[in-house]
Amino acid sequence: MKINSHNIQKGKKTFVIAEIGMNHNGSVKRAKKLIDHASAMKVDCVKFQMRSLKDLYSKDALNISSGDLSTQYTLNLLKKFELSLKDFKSLSDYAKQKNIIFMCTPWDKKSVDNLEKLDVPAYKIASFEITHLPLIKKVAQTGKPVIISSGMASLSELNDAVSLLREHGTTHICMLKCTSAYPAKPDDANLITIKHMMDTFNVVGGLSDHTLGIEVPIASVVLGARVIEKHFTLSR
C-alpha cells in the first residue's frame, strides 16, 4: 500500500495521521495553525472532514425549528464550522507547502466528488459510515487507497465494506482498530484485534486512537499497526 511516496508496509516508517477533523471550528486561519503544529510534529498527514449537509440530512432535520430535537445541537455546530470547497482547496495547497499530505473524510457522495477536484491521494471511511454502502462504493470507484475504521462495526459489516471496496476498484485497504469511546481507556484498546483483522481481511493494519497519551499507539506498532491516526487540537 502506498500513499504518495509513503510505503505503508512492514519494515517502513509508521504512517502517522494528525486528525484535525472539525477542530478548526470553521476558521481557515485556525486550520492552518493546526497544520503548522502537525508539520512541526513531523507527522505524515493531516486529515479533515467534509460534509454536504443538504445531501447528508433530510430537509426536516436541516430545519432546526421543526426537525428532531436530537439533531439540533449537532447541526448548529456543523453549520457553524462548515468550510467551503474553496477553503479546503486553500488548506490542501497550504499542506503541500508544508510538505505534509492532505486527506479528508467524506461523509457523503457529493463530498467525494469535491475531494476528487482536490486530487486527494487516499480516502478515509469513518467507523460511523461503515454501513453507508453507496458512499463506500463511490470511494472505491476512485481506485485510490482507502483507510477504514472498525469502531462500532461487526465482523460481517466489515466484511461487506471490504468486499465492496475490492469489487469496485480498491486494491489497497488499511483497517484501523478503533475503540469508540471519548476518551477511550487503555484497558479497552483490545489491540490484539489488529492482527486478527489483518489475517481475516488481508489488509494493512492500523489504529485510530482515542486514548490519551502515546503508550497505546506505541504498543499497536509492536502488534503490527502500520498506520496511526490521532486526534489533536490547539485548546480544549
C-alpha atoms as a PDB file:
ATOM      1  CA  MET A   1       0.000   0.000   0.000  1.00  0.00           C
ATOM      2  CA  LYS A   2       1.318   3.412  -0.971  1.00  0.00           C
ATOM      3  CA  ILE A   3       0.048   6.934  -0.270  1.00  0.00           C
ATOM      4  CA  ASN A   4       2.034   9.386  -2.370  1.00  0.00           C
ATOM      5  CA  SER A   5       5.662   8.462  -1.705  1.00  0.00           C
ATOM      6  CA  HIS A   6       4.936   6.682   1.582  1.00  0.00           C
ATOM      7  CA  ASN A   7       5.229   2.891   1.519  1.00  0.00           C
ATOM      8  CA  ILE A   8       2.896   1.583   4.201  1.00  0.00           C
ATOM      9  CA  GLN A   9       4.261  -1.849   4.926  1.00  0.00           C
ATOM     10  CA  LYS A  10       6.272  -3.830   7.419  1.00  0.00           C
ATOM     11  CA  GLY A  11       9.790  -2.505   7.894  1.00  0.00           C
ATOM     12  CA  LYS A  12       8.893   1.011   6.788  1.00  0.00           C
ATOM     13  CA  LYS A  13       8.180   4.103   8.898  1.00  0.00           C
ATOM     14  CA  THR A  14       4.745   4.086  10.520  1.00  0.00           C
ATOM     15  CA  PHE A  15       2.341   6.398   8.679  1.00  0.00           C
ATOM     16  CA  VAL A  16       1.014   8.941  11.210  1.00  0.00           C
ATOM     17  CA  ILE A  17      -2.187  10.915  10.604  1.00  0.00           C
ATOM     18  CA  ALA A  18      -2.958  14.027  12.640  1.00  0.00           C
ATOM     19  CA  GLU A  19      -6.760  14.079  12.763  1.00  0.00           C
ATOM     20  CA  ILE A  20      -7.909  17.699  12.746  1.00  0.00           C
ATOM     21  CA  GLY A  21     -11.491  16.827  11.878  1.00  0.00           C
ATOM     22  CA  MET A  22     -13.670  19.823  12.790  1.00  0.00           C
ATOM     23  CA  ASN A  23     -11.276  21.245  15.384  1.00  0.00           C
ATOM     24  CA  HIS A  24     -10.711  24.287  13.194  1.00  0.00           C
ATOM     25  CA  ASN A  25     -14.181  25.464  14.362  1.00  0.00           C
ATOM     26  CA  GLY A  26     -14.881  26.923  10.929  1.00  0.00           C
ATOM     27  CA  SER A  27     -11.747  29.087  10.826  1.00  0.00           C
ATOM     28  CA  VAL A  28      -9.300  28.669   7.937  1.00  0.00           C
ATOM     29  CA  LYS A  29      -6.727  30.610   9.947  1.00  0.00           C
ATOM     30  CA  ARG A  30      -7.048  28.154  12.835  1.00  0.00           C
ATOM     31  CA  ALA A  31      -6.949  25.220  10.420  1.00  0.00           C
ATOM     32  CA  LYS A  32      -3.641  26.468   9.002  1.00  0.00           C
ATOM     33  CA  LYS A  33      -2.272  26.859  12.509  1.00  0.00           C
ATOM     34  CA  LEU A  34      -3.219  23.242  13.198  1.00  0.00           C
ATOM     35  CA  ILE A  35      -1.371  22.236  10.029  1.00  0.00           C
ATOM     36  CA  ASP A  36       1.644  24.213  11.266  1.00  0.00           C
ATOM     37  CA  HIS A  37       1.641  22.265  14.541  1.00  0.00           C
ATOM     38  CA  ALA A  38       1.211  18.946  12.736  1.00  0.00           C
ATOM     39  CA  SER A  39       4.127  19.798  10.467  1.00  0.00           C
ATOM     40  CA  ALA A  40       6.277  20.701  13.479  1.00  0.00           C
ATOM     41  CA  MET A  41       5.430  17.296  14.991  1.00  0.00           C
ATOM     42  CA  LYS A  42       6.679  15.722  11.732  1.00  0.00           C
ATOM     43  CA  VAL A  43       3.575  13.641  11.139  1.00  0.00           C
ATOM     44  CA  ASP A  44       2.940  12.399   7.617  1.00  0.00           C
ATOM     45  CA  CYS A  45      -0.609  13.573   7.059  1.00  0.00           C
ATOM     46  CA  VAL A  46      -3.301  15.976   8.254  1.00  0.00           C
ATOM     47  CA  LYS A  47      -6.914  14.901   7.906  1.00  0.00           C
ATOM     48  CA  PHE A  48     -10.115  16.910   7.892  1.00  0.00           C
ATOM     49  CA  GLN A  49     -13.806  16.026   7.476  1.00  0.00           C
ATOM     50  CA  MET A  50     -16.125  17.155   4.681  1.00  0.00           C
ATOM     51  CA  ARG A  51     -19.924  17.069   4.640  1.00  0.00           C
ATOM     52  CA  SER A  52     -22.551  18.292   2.215  1.00  0.00           C
ATOM     53  CA  LEU A  53     -25.276  18.917   4.759  1.00  0.00           C
ATOM     54  CA  LYS A  54     -28.128  19.000   2.238  1.00  0.00           C
ATOM     55  CA  ASP A  55     -27.005  15.624   0.848  1.00  0.00           C
ATOM     56  CA  LEU A  56     -26.451  14.072   4.260  1.00  0.00           C
ATOM     57  CA  TYR A  57     -29.512  15.223   6.206  1.00  0.00           C
ATOM     58  CA  SER A  58     -33.224  15.413   5.428  1.00  0.00           C
ATOM     59  CA  LYS A  59     -34.980  18.751   4.919  1.00  0.00           C
ATOM     60  CA  ASP A  60     -36.795  18.284   8.227  1.00  0.00           C
ATOM     61  CA  ALA A  61     -33.508  17.707  10.045  1.00  0.00           C
ATOM     62  CA  LEU A  62     -31.947  20.800   8.473  1.00  0.00           C
ATOM     63  CA  ASN A  63     -34.941  22.872   9.507  1.00  0.00           C
ATOM     64  CA  ILE A  64     -33.759  23.482  13.059  1.00  0.00           C
ATOM     65  CA  SER A  65     -37.108  24.852  14.190  1.00  0.00           C
ATOM     66  CA  SER A  66     -39.098  21.779  13.150  1.00  0.00           C
ATOM     67  CA  GLY A  67     -36.554  18.965  12.998  1.00  0.00           C
ATOM     68  CA  ASP A  68     -35.766  16.235  15.503  1.00  0.00           C
ATOM     69  CA  LEU A  69     -34.503  17.734  18.765  1.00  0.00           C
ATOM     70  CA  SER A  70     -31.666  15.179  18.840  1.00  0.00           C
ATOM     71  CA  THR A  71     -30.073  16.699  15.709  1.00  0.00           C
ATOM     72  CA  GLN A  72     -30.432  20.383  16.561  1.00  0.00           C
ATOM     73  CA  TYR A  73     -27.272  20.768  18.646  1.00  0.00           C
ATOM     74  CA  THR A  74     -25.139  18.811  16.171  1.00  0.00           C
ATOM     75  CA  LEU A  75     -26.454  20.592  13.103  1.00  0.00           C
ATOM     76  CA  ASN A  76     -25.996  24.023  14.642  1.00  0.00           C
ATOM     77  CA  LEU A  77     -22.324  23.198  15.194  1.00  0.00           C
ATOM     78  CA  LEU A  78     -21.862  21.630  11.763  1.00  0.00           C
ATOM     79  CA  LYS A  79     -23.363  24.692  10.052  1.00  0.00           C
ATOM     80  CA  LYS A  80     -21.203  26.997  12.141  1.00  0.00           C
ATOM     81  CA  PHE A  81     -17.992  25.044  11.473  1.00  0.00           C
ATOM     82  CA  GLU A  82     -18.601  24.180   7.811  1.00  0.00           C
ATOM     83  CA  LEU A  83     -15.819  25.075   5.361  1.00  0.00           C
ATOM     84  CA  SER A  84     -16.324  25.718   1.646  1.00  0.00           C
ATOM     85  CA  LEU A  85     -14.615  23.822  -1.162  1.00  0.00           C
ATOM     86  CA  LYS A  86     -12.547  26.963  -1.744  1.00  0.00           C
ATOM     87  CA  ASP A  87     -11.437  26.802   1.897  1.00  0.00           C
ATOM     88  CA  PHE A  88     -10.442  23.164   1.566  1.00  0.00           C
ATOM     89  CA  LYS A  89      -8.504  23.955  -1.609  1.00  0.00           C
ATOM     90  CA  SER A  90      -6.603  26.614   0.347  1.00  0.00           C
ATOM     91  CA  LEU A  91      -5.836  24.111   3.109  1.00  0.00           C
ATOM     92  CA  SER A  92      -4.770  21.432   0.644  1.00  0.00           C
ATOM     93  CA  ASP A  93      -2.348  23.857  -1.020  1.00  0.00           C
ATOM     94  CA  TYR A  94      -1.069  25.010   2.361  1.00  0.00           C
ATOM     95  CA  ALA A  95      -0.405  21.427   3.472  1.00  0.00           C
ATOM     96  CA  LYS A  96       1.607  20.830   0.292  1.00  0.00           C
ATOM     97  CA  GLN A  97       3.697  23.915   1.067  1.00  0.00           C
ATOM     98  CA  LYS A  98       4.402  22.358   4.465  1.00  0.00           C
ATOM     99  CA  ASN A  99       5.334  19.063   2.780  1.00  0.00           C
ATOM    100  CA  ILE A 100       2.552  17.199   4.554  1.00  0.00           C
ATOM    101  CA  ILE A 101      -0.197  15.081   2.960  1.00  0.00           C
ATOM    102  CA  PHE A 102      -3.727  16.470   2.935  1.00  0.00           C
ATOM    103  CA  MET A 103      -6.543  13.983   3.415  1.00  0.00           C
ATOM    104  CA  CYS A 104     -10.221  14.334   4.217  1.00  0.00           C
ATOM    105  CA  THR A 105     -13.015  12.002   5.316  1.00  0.00           C
ATOM    106  CA  PRO A 106     -16.089  12.335   3.070  1.00  0.00           C
ATOM    107  CA  TRP A 107     -19.459  11.806   4.752  1.00  0.00           C
ATOM    108  CA  ASP A 108     -21.487  11.682   1.528  1.00  0.00           C
ATOM    109  CA  LYS A 109     -21.119  11.096  -2.203  1.00  0.00           C
ATOM    110  CA  LYS A 110     -21.120  14.805  -3.092  1.00  0.00           C
ATOM    111  CA  SER A 111     -18.096  15.279  -0.838  1.00  0.00           C
ATOM    112  CA  VAL A 112     -16.255  12.525  -2.739  1.00  0.00           C
ATOM    113  CA  ASP A 113     -16.818  14.476  -5.964  1.00  0.00           C
ATOM    114  CA  ASN A 114     -15.460  17.618  -4.314  1.00  0.00           C
ATOM    115  CA  LEU A 115     -12.421  15.829  -2.891  1.00  0.00           C
ATOM    116  CA  GLU A 116     -11.643  14.397  -6.315  1.00  0.00           C
ATOM    117  CA  LYS A 117     -11.356  18.011  -7.515  1.00  0.00           C
ATOM    118  CA  LEU A 118      -8.640  18.430  -4.874  1.00  0.00           C
ATOM    119  CA  ASP A 119      -6.966  15.193  -6.024  1.00  0.00           C
ATOM    120  CA  VAL A 120      -6.577  13.707  -2.544  1.00  0.00           C
ATOM    121  CA  PRO A 121      -4.193  10.707  -2.636  1.00  0.00           C
ATOM    122  CA  ALA A 122      -6.342   8.412  -0.458  1.00  0.00           C
ATOM    123  CA  TYR A 123      -9.640   8.243   1.416  1.00  0.00           C
ATOM    124  CA  LYS A 124     -10.723   7.535   4.971  1.00  0.00           C
ATOM    125  CA  ILE A 125     -14.089   5.974   5.787  1.00  0.00           C
ATOM    126  CA  ALA A 126     -15.175   6.802   9.322  1.00  0.00           C
ATOM    127  CA  SER A 127     -16.444   3.976  11.506  1.00  0.00           C
ATOM    128  CA  PHE A 128     -19.810   5.724  11.667  1.00  0.00           C
ATOM    129  CA  GLU A 129     -20.094   5.306   7.872  1.00  0.00           C
ATOM    130  CA  ILE A 130     -19.072   1.649   7.674  1.00  0.00           C
ATOM    131  CA  THR A 131     -22.619   0.632   6.649  1.00  0.00           C
ATOM    132  CA  HIS A 132     -23.011   3.526   4.187  1.00  0.00           C
ATOM    133  CA  LEU A 133     -22.501   1.193   1.231  1.00  0.00           C
ATOM    134  CA  PRO A 134     -23.304   3.747  -1.533  1.00  0.00           C
ATOM    135  CA  LEU A 135     -20.561   6.006  -0.123  1.00  0.00           C
ATOM    136  CA  ILE A 136     -18.095   3.114   0.108  1.00  0.00           C
ATOM    137  CA  LYS A 137     -18.831   2.112  -3.493  1.00  0.00           C
ATOM    138  CA  LYS A 138     -18.305   5.711  -4.645  1.00  0.00           C
ATOM    139  CA  VAL A 139     -14.959   5.923  -2.856  1.00  0.00           C
ATOM    140  CA  ALA A 140     -13.879   2.532  -4.236  1.00  0.00           C
ATOM    141  CA  GLN A 141     -14.531   3.669  -7.793  1.00  0.00           C
ATOM    142  CA  THR A 142     -11.798   6.300  -7.466  1.00  0.00           C
ATOM    143  CA  GLY A 143      -9.306   3.415  -7.337  1.00  0.00           C
ATOM    144  CA  LYS A 144      -7.345   5.153  -4.584  1.00  0.00           C
ATOM    145  CA  PRO A 145      -6.112   3.585  -1.312  1.00  0.00           C
ATOM    146  CA  VAL A 146      -8.773   3.502   1.392  1.00  0.00           C
ATOM    147  CA  ILE A 147      -8.424   3.543   5.182  1.00  0.00           C
ATOM    148  CA  ILE A 148     -11.433   2.358   7.159  1.00  0.00           C
ATOM    149  CA  SER A 149     -12.103   2.399  10.908  1.00  0.00           C
ATOM    150  CA  SER A 150     -13.614  -0.605  12.657  1.00  0.00           C
ATOM    151  CA  GLY A 151     -15.221   1.165  15.613  1.00  0.00           C
ATOM    152  CA  MET A 152     -18.835   0.079  16.291  1.00  0.00           C
ATOM    153  CA  ALA A 153     -18.770  -2.349  13.333  1.00  0.00           C
ATOM    154  CA  SER A 154     -19.449  -6.081  13.424  1.00  0.00           C
ATOM    155  CA  LEU A 155     -17.248  -8.547  11.551  1.00  0.00           C
ATOM    156  CA  SER A 156     -19.976  -9.070   8.961  1.00  0.00           C
ATOM    157  CA  GLU A 157     -20.272  -5.296   8.401  1.00  0.00           C
ATOM    158  CA  LEU A 158     -16.507  -5.006   7.977  1.00  0.00           C
ATOM    159  CA  ASN A 159     -16.568  -7.914   5.556  1.00  0.00           C
ATOM    160  CA  ASP A 160     -19.302  -6.237   3.491  1.00  0.00           C
ATOM    161  CA  ALA A 161     -17.315  -2.992   3.373  1.00  0.00           C
ATOM    162  CA  VAL A 162     -14.033  -4.659   2.354  1.00  0.00           C
ATOM    163  CA  SER A 163     -15.756  -6.837  -0.250  1.00  0.00           C
ATOM    164  CA  LEU A 164     -17.491  -3.810  -1.765  1.00  0.00           C
ATOM    165  CA  LEU A 165     -14.244  -1.846  -1.896  1.00  0.00           C
ATOM    166  CA  ARG A 166     -12.477  -4.657  -3.736  1.00  0.00           C
ATOM    167  CA  GLU A 167     -15.410  -5.325  -6.041  1.00  0.00           C
ATOM    168  CA  HIS A 168     -15.464  -1.713  -7.251  1.00  0.00           C
ATOM    169  CA  GLY A 169     -11.799  -0.950  -7.740  1.00  0.00           C
ATOM    170  CA  THR A 170      -9.899  -0.535  -4.463  1.00  0.00           C
ATOM    171  CA  THR A 171      -6.844  -2.771  -4.222  1.00  0.00           C
ATOM    172  CA  HIS A 172      -5.111  -1.166  -1.225  1.00  0.00           C
ATOM    173  CA  ILE A 173      -7.018  -1.192   2.065  1.00  0.00           C
ATOM    174  CA  CYS A 174      -5.947  -0.346   5.594  1.00  0.00           C
ATOM    175  CA  MET A 175      -8.233  -1.200   8.521  1.00  0.00           C
ATOM    176  CA  LEU A 176      -7.830   0.744  11.748  1.00  0.00           C
ATOM    177  CA  LYS A 177      -8.712  -0.779  15.083  1.00  0.00           C
ATOM    178  CA  CYS A 178     -10.906   1.792  16.825  1.00  0.00           C
ATOM    179  CA  THR A 179     -12.456   1.806  20.296  1.00  0.00           C
ATOM    180  CA  SER A 180     -15.374   4.233  20.062  1.00  0.00           C
ATOM    181  CA  ALA A 181     -15.128   5.977  23.406  1.00  0.00           C
ATOM    182  CA  TYR A 182     -14.092   9.584  24.010  1.00  0.00           C
ATOM    183  CA  PRO A 183     -11.610   9.266  25.533  1.00  0.00           C
ATOM    184  CA  ALA A 184     -11.055   5.509  25.446  1.00  0.00           C
ATOM    185  CA  LYS A 185      -9.417   3.717  28.347  1.00  0.00           C
ATOM    186  CA  PRO A 186      -6.163   1.881  27.551  1.00  0.00           C
ATOM    187  CA  ASP A 187      -7.685  -1.226  29.137  1.00  0.00           C
ATOM    188  CA  ASP A 188     -10.350  -1.171  26.424  1.00  0.00           C
ATOM    189  CA  ALA A 189      -7.971  -0.794  23.473  1.00  0.00           C
ATOM    190  CA  ASN A 190      -8.016  -4.545  22.673  1.00  0.00           C
ATOM    191  CA  LEU A 191      -5.036  -4.202  20.361  1.00  0.00           C
ATOM    192  CA  ILE A 192      -4.828  -7.937  19.655  1.00  0.00           C
ATOM    193  CA  THR A 193      -7.707  -7.227  17.252  1.00  0.00           C
ATOM    194  CA  ILE A 194      -5.232  -5.604  14.844  1.00  0.00           C
ATOM    195  CA  LYS A 195      -3.588  -8.902  13.883  1.00  0.00           C
ATOM    196  CA  HIS A 196      -6.967 -10.623  13.743  1.00  0.00           C
ATOM    197  CA  MET A 197      -8.272  -8.021  11.258  1.00  0.00           C
ATOM    198  CA  MET A 198      -5.105  -8.257   9.165  1.00  0.00           C
ATOM    199  CA  ASP A 199      -5.369 -12.039   8.955  1.00  0.00           C
ATOM    200  CA  THR A 200      -9.140 -12.134   8.445  1.00  0.00           C
ATOM    201  CA  PHE A 201      -9.437  -9.470   5.749  1.00  0.00           C
ATOM    202  CA  ASN A 202      -5.919  -9.488   4.251  1.00  0.00           C
ATOM    203  CA  VAL A 203      -5.489  -5.765   4.840  1.00  0.00           C
ATOM    204  CA  VAL A 204      -2.864  -3.433   6.265  1.00  0.00           C
ATOM    205  CA  GLY A 205      -3.466  -2.972   9.996  1.00  0.00           C
ATOM    206  CA  GLY A 206      -3.532   0.231  11.987  1.00  0.00           C
ATOM    207  CA  LEU A 207      -5.018   2.130  14.913  1.00  0.00           C
ATOM    208  CA  SER A 208      -7.466   5.012  15.178  1.00  0.00           C
ATOM    209  CA  ASP A 209      -6.553   6.010  18.702  1.00  0.00           C
ATOM    210  CA  HIS A 210      -8.959   7.651  21.135  1.00  0.00           C
ATOM    211  CA  THR A 211      -6.842   7.138  24.246  1.00  0.00           C
ATOM    212  CA  LEU A 212      -4.827   9.893  25.910  1.00  0.00           C
ATOM    213  CA  GLY A 213      -1.036   9.714  25.674  1.00  0.00           C
ATOM    214  CA  ILE A 214       1.212   7.730  23.361  1.00  0.00           C
ATOM    215  CA  GLU A 215       1.517   4.336  25.063  1.00  0.00           C
ATOM    216  CA  VAL A 216      -1.335   2.633  23.193  1.00  0.00           C
ATOM    217  CA  PRO A 217      -0.136   3.739  19.722  1.00  0.00           C
ATOM    218  CA  ILE A 218       3.387   2.507  20.532  1.00  0.00           C
ATOM    219  CA  ALA A 219       2.013  -0.862  21.619  1.00  0.00           C
ATOM    220  CA  SER A 220      -0.096  -1.071  18.456  1.00  0.00           C
ATOM    221  CA  VAL A 221       3.008  -0.724  16.277  1.00  0.00           C
ATOM    222  CA  VAL A 222       4.581  -3.662  18.113  1.00  0.00           C
ATOM    223  CA  LEU A 223       1.462  -5.653  17.222  1.00  0.00           C
ATOM    224  CA  GLY A 224       1.603  -4.792  13.522  1.00  0.00           C
ATOM    225  CA  ALA A 225      -0.035  -1.377  13.087  1.00  0.00           C
ATOM    226  CA  ARG A 226       1.373   0.482  10.085  1.00  0.00           C
ATOM    227  CA  VAL A 227      -0.961   3.493  10.314  1.00  0.00           C
ATOM    228  CA  ILE A 228      -1.703   5.568  13.416  1.00  0.00           C
ATOM    229  CA  GLU A 229      -4.465   8.164  13.499  1.00  0.00           C
ATOM    230  CA  LYS A 230      -4.529  10.521  16.480  1.00  0.00           C
ATOM    231  CA  HIS A 231      -6.920  13.408  17.159  1.00  0.00           C
ATOM    232  CA  PHE A 232      -5.417  16.703  18.250  1.00  0.00           C
ATOM    233  CA  THR A 233      -6.451  20.271  18.940  1.00  0.00           C
ATOM    234  CA  LEU A 234      -4.840  23.553  19.957  1.00  0.00           C
ATOM    235  CA  SER A 235      -7.015  24.057  23.011  1.00  0.00           C
ATOM    236  CA  ARG A 236      -9.833  22.325  24.860  1.00  0.00           C
END
